[in-house]
Amino acid sequence: MHDLADLGARPPTAHGWRPSLHVASPAAALGWHYVAEGSTLGAAVLLKAAAALGLHGRYGARHLAPSPLGVAEYWRRARERLDAVALDSTGQSQACAGASDAFQFVRRCVDEEFSFE
């Protein structure tokens, strides 16, 4: 919300669409977590592009700001936590499916929110 306020914008109004989220299993939740934590890597790239617009981690692009640990260290620790969970082949498949579901979910949300119809 602070980023929107920095830019003089208001949150979009709900227009009846509510995303539906279903996570099939604890292993699938790990896949979702992998995607969420991995998004910090992409945010680092986007933050550099935002800088060209005069935005940064304290103004207009807080949501892209890295952890105080730094991007690489944060990702290393996140991977350690994920790798510490022992999964059998079924769990690994469920985690991969969960990661795919997470990407598809975000894509649907973006498509719905930014549809120009």
N, C-alpha and C. Protein backbone atom coordinates (compact mmCIF):
# COMPACT_ATOMS: atom_id res chain seq x y z
N MET A 1 0.81 -1.18 0.00
CA MET A 1 0.00 0.00 0.00
C MET A 1 0.87 1.26 0.00
N HIS A 2 2.03 1.17 0.67
CA HIS A 2 2.91 2.34 0.70
C HIS A 2 3.41 2.67 -0.70
N ASP A 3 3.72 1.64 -1.48
CA ASP A 3 4.19 1.88 -2.84
C ASP A 3 3.12 2.59 -3.67
N LEU A 4 1.89 2.16 -3.53
CA LEU A 4 0.80 2.83 -4.25
C LEU A 4 0.67 4.28 -3.81
N ALA A 5 0.76 4.51 -2.50
CA ALA A 5 0.66 5.87 -1.99
C ALA A 5 1.81 6.74 -2.51
N ASP A 6 3.01 6.17 -2.57
CA ASP A 6 4.15 6.92 -3.12
C ASP A 6 3.86 7.43 -4.52
N LEU A 7 3.15 6.62 -5.27
CA LEU A 7 2.88 6.94 -6.67
C LEU A 7 1.57 7.69 -6.87
N GLY A 8 0.91 8.01 -5.76
CA GLY A 8 -0.36 8.72 -5.85
C GLY A 8 -1.47 7.85 -6.40
N ALA A 9 -1.33 6.55 -6.25
CA ALA A 9 -2.33 5.62 -6.77
C ALA A 9 -3.13 5.01 -5.63
N ARG A 10 -4.27 4.47 -5.98
CA ARG A 10 -5.11 3.80 -5.00
C ARG A 10 -5.21 2.33 -5.38
N PRO A 11 -5.46 1.48 -4.39
CA PRO A 11 -5.62 0.06 -4.71
C PRO A 11 -6.79 -0.14 -5.66
N PRO A 12 -6.68 -1.11 -6.55
CA PRO A 12 -7.81 -1.37 -7.45
C PRO A 12 -9.02 -1.82 -6.65
N THR A 13 -10.18 -1.47 -7.14
CA THR A 13 -11.40 -1.91 -6.47
C THR A 13 -11.74 -3.32 -6.93
N ALA A 14 -12.25 -4.08 -6.01
CA ALA A 14 -12.64 -5.45 -6.34
C ALA A 14 -13.80 -5.40 -7.33
N HIS A 15 -13.73 -6.21 -8.35
CA HIS A 15 -14.80 -6.23 -9.33
C HIS A 15 -15.41 -7.63 -9.41
N GLY A 16 -15.61 -8.21 -8.22
CA GLY A 16 -16.32 -9.48 -8.16
C GLY A 16 -15.45 -10.72 -8.29
N TRP A 17 -14.22 -10.57 -8.72
CA TRP A 17 -13.37 -11.73 -8.92
C TRP A 17 -12.55 -11.97 -7.67
N ARG A 18 -12.56 -13.17 -7.18
CA ARG A 18 -11.76 -13.55 -6.04
C ARG A 18 -10.94 -14.78 -6.44
N PRO A 19 -9.62 -14.70 -6.28
CA PRO A 19 -8.81 -15.86 -6.63
C PRO A 19 -9.11 -17.02 -5.69
N SER A 20 -9.14 -18.20 -6.23
CA SER A 20 -9.39 -19.40 -5.44
C SER A 20 -8.08 -20.17 -5.33
N LEU A 21 -7.68 -20.42 -4.12
CA LEU A 21 -6.40 -21.07 -3.88
C LEU A 21 -6.63 -22.43 -3.24
N HIS A 22 -6.06 -23.46 -3.83
CA HIS A 22 -6.14 -24.80 -3.26
C HIS A 22 -4.75 -25.43 -3.34
N VAL A 23 -4.25 -25.85 -2.20
CA VAL A 23 -2.96 -26.55 -2.15
C VAL A 23 -3.26 -28.00 -1.79
N ALA A 24 -2.86 -28.91 -2.65
CA ALA A 24 -3.28 -30.31 -2.57
C ALA A 24 -2.68 -31.09 -1.41
N SER A 25 -1.48 -30.73 -0.96
CA SER A 25 -0.82 -31.53 0.08
C SER A 25 0.29 -30.70 0.72
N PRO A 26 0.81 -31.16 1.86
CA PRO A 26 1.96 -30.46 2.44
C PRO A 26 3.16 -30.40 1.49
N ALA A 27 3.37 -31.46 0.73
CA ALA A 27 4.48 -31.44 -0.24
C ALA A 27 4.23 -30.41 -1.32
N ALA A 28 2.98 -30.28 -1.77
CA ALA A 28 2.65 -29.25 -2.76
C ALA A 28 2.88 -27.86 -2.19
N ALA A 29 2.61 -27.71 -0.89
CA ALA A 29 2.86 -26.42 -0.24
C ALA A 29 4.33 -26.04 -0.31
N LEU A 30 5.21 -27.03 -0.24
CA LEU A 30 6.64 -26.75 -0.40
C LEU A 30 6.94 -26.19 -1.78
N GLY A 31 6.26 -26.70 -2.79
CA GLY A 31 6.43 -26.16 -4.14
C GLY A 31 5.98 -24.72 -4.21
N TRP A 32 4.85 -24.41 -3.59
CA TRP A 32 4.39 -23.02 -3.53
C TRP A 32 5.42 -22.16 -2.81
N HIS A 33 5.96 -22.68 -1.72
CA HIS A 33 6.96 -21.93 -0.94
C HIS A 33 8.21 -21.67 -1.78
N TYR A 34 8.62 -22.65 -2.54
CA TYR A 34 9.78 -22.51 -3.42
C TYR A 34 9.57 -21.36 -4.40
N VAL A 35 8.40 -21.30 -4.98
CA VAL A 35 8.09 -20.22 -5.94
C VAL A 35 8.07 -18.87 -5.24
N ALA A 36 7.44 -18.81 -4.08
CA ALA A 36 7.36 -17.54 -3.35
C ALA A 36 8.75 -17.05 -2.96
N GLU A 37 9.57 -17.93 -2.43
CA GLU A 37 10.92 -17.53 -2.03
C GLU A 37 11.78 -17.21 -3.25
N GLY A 38 11.61 -17.97 -4.30
CA GLY A 38 12.38 -17.72 -5.52
C GLY A 38 12.03 -16.42 -6.20
N SER A 39 10.84 -15.91 -5.91
CA SER A 39 10.45 -14.64 -6.53
C SER A 39 11.36 -13.50 -6.10
N THR A 40 12.08 -13.68 -4.98
CA THR A 40 13.02 -12.64 -4.56
C THR A 40 14.15 -12.47 -5.57
N LEU A 41 14.48 -13.54 -6.28
CA LEU A 41 15.53 -13.44 -7.30
C LEU A 41 15.06 -12.57 -8.46
N GLY A 42 13.84 -12.79 -8.90
CA GLY A 42 13.28 -11.96 -9.97
C GLY A 42 13.08 -10.52 -9.52
N ALA A 43 12.73 -10.35 -8.25
CA ALA A 43 12.52 -9.00 -7.73
C ALA A 43 13.80 -8.17 -7.81
N ALA A 44 14.94 -8.81 -7.64
CA ALA A 44 16.21 -8.08 -7.73
C ALA A 44 16.41 -7.50 -9.13
N VAL A 45 16.03 -8.25 -10.14
CA VAL A 45 16.13 -7.77 -11.52
C VAL A 45 15.14 -6.62 -11.74
N LEU A 46 13.91 -6.80 -11.26
CA LEU A 46 12.89 -5.77 -11.43
C LEU A 46 13.25 -4.49 -10.68
N LEU A 47 13.89 -4.63 -9.52
CA LEU A 47 14.28 -3.44 -8.75
C LEU A 47 15.28 -2.59 -9.53
N LYS A 48 16.17 -3.23 -10.25
CA LYS A 48 17.12 -2.48 -11.09
C LYS A 48 16.38 -1.72 -12.18
N ALA A 49 15.38 -2.34 -12.77
CA ALA A 49 14.59 -1.66 -13.81
C ALA A 49 13.78 -0.52 -13.19
N ALA A 50 13.27 -0.74 -11.98
CA ALA A 50 12.49 0.30 -11.30
C ALA A 50 13.36 1.52 -11.00
N ALA A 51 14.64 1.28 -10.74
CA ALA A 51 15.55 2.39 -10.45
C ALA A 51 15.61 3.38 -11.61
N ALA A 52 15.48 2.88 -12.82
CA ALA A 52 15.48 3.76 -13.99
C ALA A 52 14.27 4.70 -13.98
N LEU A 53 13.25 4.34 -13.20
CA LEU A 53 12.05 5.18 -13.08
C LEU A 53 12.09 6.04 -11.82
N GLY A 54 13.21 5.98 -11.09
CA GLY A 54 13.33 6.76 -9.87
C GLY A 54 12.74 6.07 -8.64
N LEU A 55 12.45 4.80 -8.76
CA LEU A 55 11.88 4.05 -7.64
C LEU A 55 12.96 3.22 -6.98
N HIS A 56 12.79 2.95 -5.69
CA HIS A 56 13.77 2.14 -4.96
C HIS A 56 13.11 1.48 -3.76
N GLY A 57 13.90 0.81 -2.96
CA GLY A 57 13.38 0.03 -1.84
C GLY A 57 12.77 0.83 -0.71
N ARG A 58 12.86 2.13 -0.77
CA ARG A 58 12.23 2.98 0.25
C ARG A 58 11.18 3.90 -0.35
N TYR A 59 11.01 3.83 -1.67
CA TYR A 59 10.02 4.67 -2.34
C TYR A 59 9.54 3.99 -3.61
N GLY A 60 8.29 3.64 -3.62
CA GLY A 60 7.66 3.13 -4.83
C GLY A 60 7.96 1.70 -5.21
N ALA A 61 8.99 1.11 -4.62
CA ALA A 61 9.33 -0.27 -4.97
C ALA A 61 9.71 -1.07 -3.73
N ARG A 62 9.08 -0.76 -2.62
CA ARG A 62 9.36 -1.50 -1.38
C ARG A 62 9.12 -3.00 -1.55
N HIS A 63 8.09 -3.32 -2.32
CA HIS A 63 7.75 -4.73 -2.52
C HIS A 63 8.84 -5.49 -3.27
N LEU A 64 9.76 -4.79 -3.87
CA LEU A 64 10.86 -5.43 -4.59
C LEU A 64 12.17 -5.41 -3.79
N ALA A 65 12.17 -4.72 -2.65
CA ALA A 65 13.39 -4.55 -1.87
C ALA A 65 13.90 -5.90 -1.35
N PRO A 66 15.20 -6.09 -1.38
CA PRO A 66 15.75 -7.36 -0.90
C PRO A 66 15.72 -7.45 0.62
N SER A 67 15.86 -8.66 1.10
CA SER A 67 16.00 -8.91 2.53
C SER A 67 17.27 -8.21 3.03
N PRO A 68 17.30 -7.81 4.28
CA PRO A 68 18.55 -7.25 4.83
C PRO A 68 19.72 -8.22 4.72
N LEU A 69 19.44 -9.51 4.58
CA LEU A 69 20.51 -10.49 4.40
C LEU A 69 21.16 -10.39 3.03
N GLY A 70 20.46 -9.80 2.09
CA GLY A 70 20.90 -9.78 0.70
C GLY A 70 20.21 -10.89 -0.07
N VAL A 71 20.11 -10.71 -1.36
CA VAL A 71 19.37 -11.66 -2.19
C VAL A 71 20.00 -13.05 -2.16
N ALA A 72 21.30 -13.13 -2.37
CA ALA A 72 21.96 -14.44 -2.45
C ALA A 72 21.87 -15.20 -1.12
N GLU A 73 22.15 -14.52 -0.02
CA GLU A 73 22.11 -15.19 1.28
C GLU A 73 20.69 -15.60 1.65
N TYR A 74 19.73 -14.75 1.36
CA TYR A 74 18.33 -15.07 1.65
C TYR A 74 17.92 -16.32 0.87
N TRP A 75 18.27 -16.36 -0.41
CA TRP A 75 17.92 -17.50 -1.25
C TRP A 75 18.64 -18.76 -0.78
N ARG A 76 19.90 -18.64 -0.39
CA ARG A 76 20.66 -19.80 0.11
C ARG A 76 19.97 -20.38 1.34
N ARG A 77 19.57 -19.52 2.27
CA ARG A 77 18.90 -19.99 3.48
C ARG A 77 17.53 -20.60 3.17
N ALA A 78 16.82 -19.99 2.26
CA ALA A 78 15.52 -20.54 1.88
C ALA A 78 15.69 -21.93 1.28
N ARG A 79 16.68 -22.09 0.42
CA ARG A 79 16.95 -23.40 -0.19
C ARG A 79 17.36 -24.42 0.87
N GLU A 80 18.15 -24.00 1.85
CA GLU A 80 18.54 -24.92 2.92
C GLU A 80 17.31 -25.43 3.67
N ARG A 81 16.38 -24.52 3.96
CA ARG A 81 15.15 -24.92 4.67
C ARG A 81 14.33 -25.89 3.81
N LEU A 82 14.22 -25.59 2.54
CA LEU A 82 13.46 -26.47 1.65
C LEU A 82 14.16 -27.82 1.48
N ASP A 83 15.47 -27.79 1.31
CA ASP A 83 16.22 -29.03 1.11
C ASP A 83 16.24 -29.91 2.36
N ALA A 84 15.98 -29.33 3.52
CA ALA A 84 15.99 -30.09 4.77
C ALA A 84 14.77 -31.00 4.90
N VAL A 85 13.77 -30.78 4.07
CA VAL A 85 12.56 -31.61 4.12
C VAL A 85 12.77 -32.84 3.24
N ALA A 86 12.69 -34.00 3.87
CA ALA A 86 12.87 -35.25 3.12
C ALA A 86 11.57 -35.61 2.41
N LEU A 87 11.65 -35.78 1.11
CA LEU A 87 10.48 -36.16 0.32
C LEU A 87 10.79 -37.43 -0.46
N ASP A 88 9.83 -38.34 -0.48
CA ASP A 88 9.97 -39.50 -1.35
C ASP A 88 9.61 -39.06 -2.77
N SER A 89 9.63 -40.00 -3.70
CA SER A 89 9.38 -39.62 -5.10
C SER A 89 7.97 -39.04 -5.29
N THR A 90 7.00 -39.55 -4.54
CA THR A 90 5.64 -39.00 -4.62
C THR A 90 5.62 -37.57 -4.11
N GLY A 91 6.29 -37.34 -2.98
CA GLY A 91 6.36 -35.99 -2.43
C GLY A 91 7.08 -35.03 -3.36
N GLN A 92 8.14 -35.51 -4.01
CA GLN A 92 8.85 -34.66 -4.96
C GLN A 92 7.94 -34.28 -6.13
N SER A 93 7.19 -35.25 -6.61
CA SER A 93 6.24 -34.96 -7.71
C SER A 93 5.18 -33.96 -7.26
N GLN A 94 4.69 -34.12 -6.03
CA GLN A 94 3.69 -33.20 -5.51
C GLN A 94 4.27 -31.79 -5.34
N ALA A 95 5.52 -31.71 -4.88
CA ALA A 95 6.16 -30.40 -4.73
C ALA A 95 6.32 -29.72 -6.09
N CYS A 96 6.73 -30.48 -7.08
CA CYS A 96 6.86 -29.91 -8.44
C CYS A 96 5.51 -29.46 -8.97
N ALA A 97 4.48 -30.26 -8.72
CA ALA A 97 3.13 -29.87 -9.16
C ALA A 97 2.68 -28.62 -8.42
N GLY A 98 3.01 -28.53 -7.13
CA GLY A 98 2.66 -27.33 -6.36
C GLY A 98 3.34 -26.10 -6.91
N ALA A 99 4.61 -26.22 -7.29
CA ALA A 99 5.32 -25.09 -7.88
C ALA A 99 4.66 -24.67 -9.18
N SER A 100 4.32 -25.63 -10.00
CA SER A 100 3.63 -25.32 -11.26
C SER A 100 2.29 -24.65 -11.00
N ASP A 101 1.55 -25.17 -10.01
CA ASP A 101 0.26 -24.57 -9.65
C ASP A 101 0.44 -23.12 -9.20
N ALA A 102 1.51 -22.86 -8.45
CA ALA A 102 1.76 -21.50 -7.97
C ALA A 102 1.98 -20.54 -9.13
N PHE A 103 2.80 -20.96 -10.09
CA PHE A 103 3.04 -20.11 -11.26
C PHE A 103 1.74 -19.88 -12.04
N GLN A 104 0.95 -20.93 -12.21
CA GLN A 104 -0.31 -20.79 -12.93
C GLN A 104 -1.28 -19.88 -12.18
N PHE A 105 -1.31 -19.99 -10.86
CA PHE A 105 -2.18 -19.15 -10.04
C PHE A 105 -1.84 -17.67 -10.22
N VAL A 106 -0.55 -17.37 -10.12
CA VAL A 106 -0.13 -15.97 -10.28
C VAL A 106 -0.47 -15.49 -11.68
N ARG A 107 -0.26 -16.32 -12.66
CA ARG A 107 -0.58 -15.94 -14.04
C ARG A 107 -2.07 -15.62 -14.20
N ARG A 108 -2.92 -16.47 -13.60
CA ARG A 108 -4.37 -16.22 -13.66
C ARG A 108 -4.72 -14.90 -12.97
N CYS A 109 -4.11 -14.65 -11.82
CA CYS A 109 -4.39 -13.40 -11.10
C CYS A 109 -3.98 -12.19 -11.93
N VAL A 110 -2.81 -12.25 -12.53
CA VAL A 110 -2.34 -11.14 -13.37
C VAL A 110 -3.25 -10.97 -14.58
N ASP A 111 -3.56 -12.07 -15.24
CA ASP A 111 -4.43 -12.00 -16.41
C ASP A 111 -5.78 -11.38 -16.06
N GLU A 112 -6.33 -11.77 -14.92
CA GLU A 112 -7.64 -11.26 -14.52
C GLU A 112 -7.55 -9.78 -14.13
N GLU A 113 -6.55 -9.44 -13.37
CA GLU A 113 -6.44 -8.05 -12.88
C GLU A 113 -6.11 -7.08 -14.00
N PHE A 114 -5.35 -7.54 -14.98
CA PHE A 114 -4.91 -6.65 -16.04
C PHE A 114 -5.58 -6.94 -17.38
N SER A 115 -6.74 -7.58 -17.34
CA SER A 115 -7.46 -7.80 -18.59
C SER A 115 -8.01 -6.46 -19.07
N PHE A 116 -7.97 -6.26 -20.35
CA PHE A 116 -8.40 -4.97 -20.91
C PHE A 116 -9.70 -5.11 -21.69
N GLU A 117 -10.51 -6.05 -21.30
CA GLU A 117 -11.79 -6.25 -21.98
C GLU A 117 -12.86 -5.37 -21.40
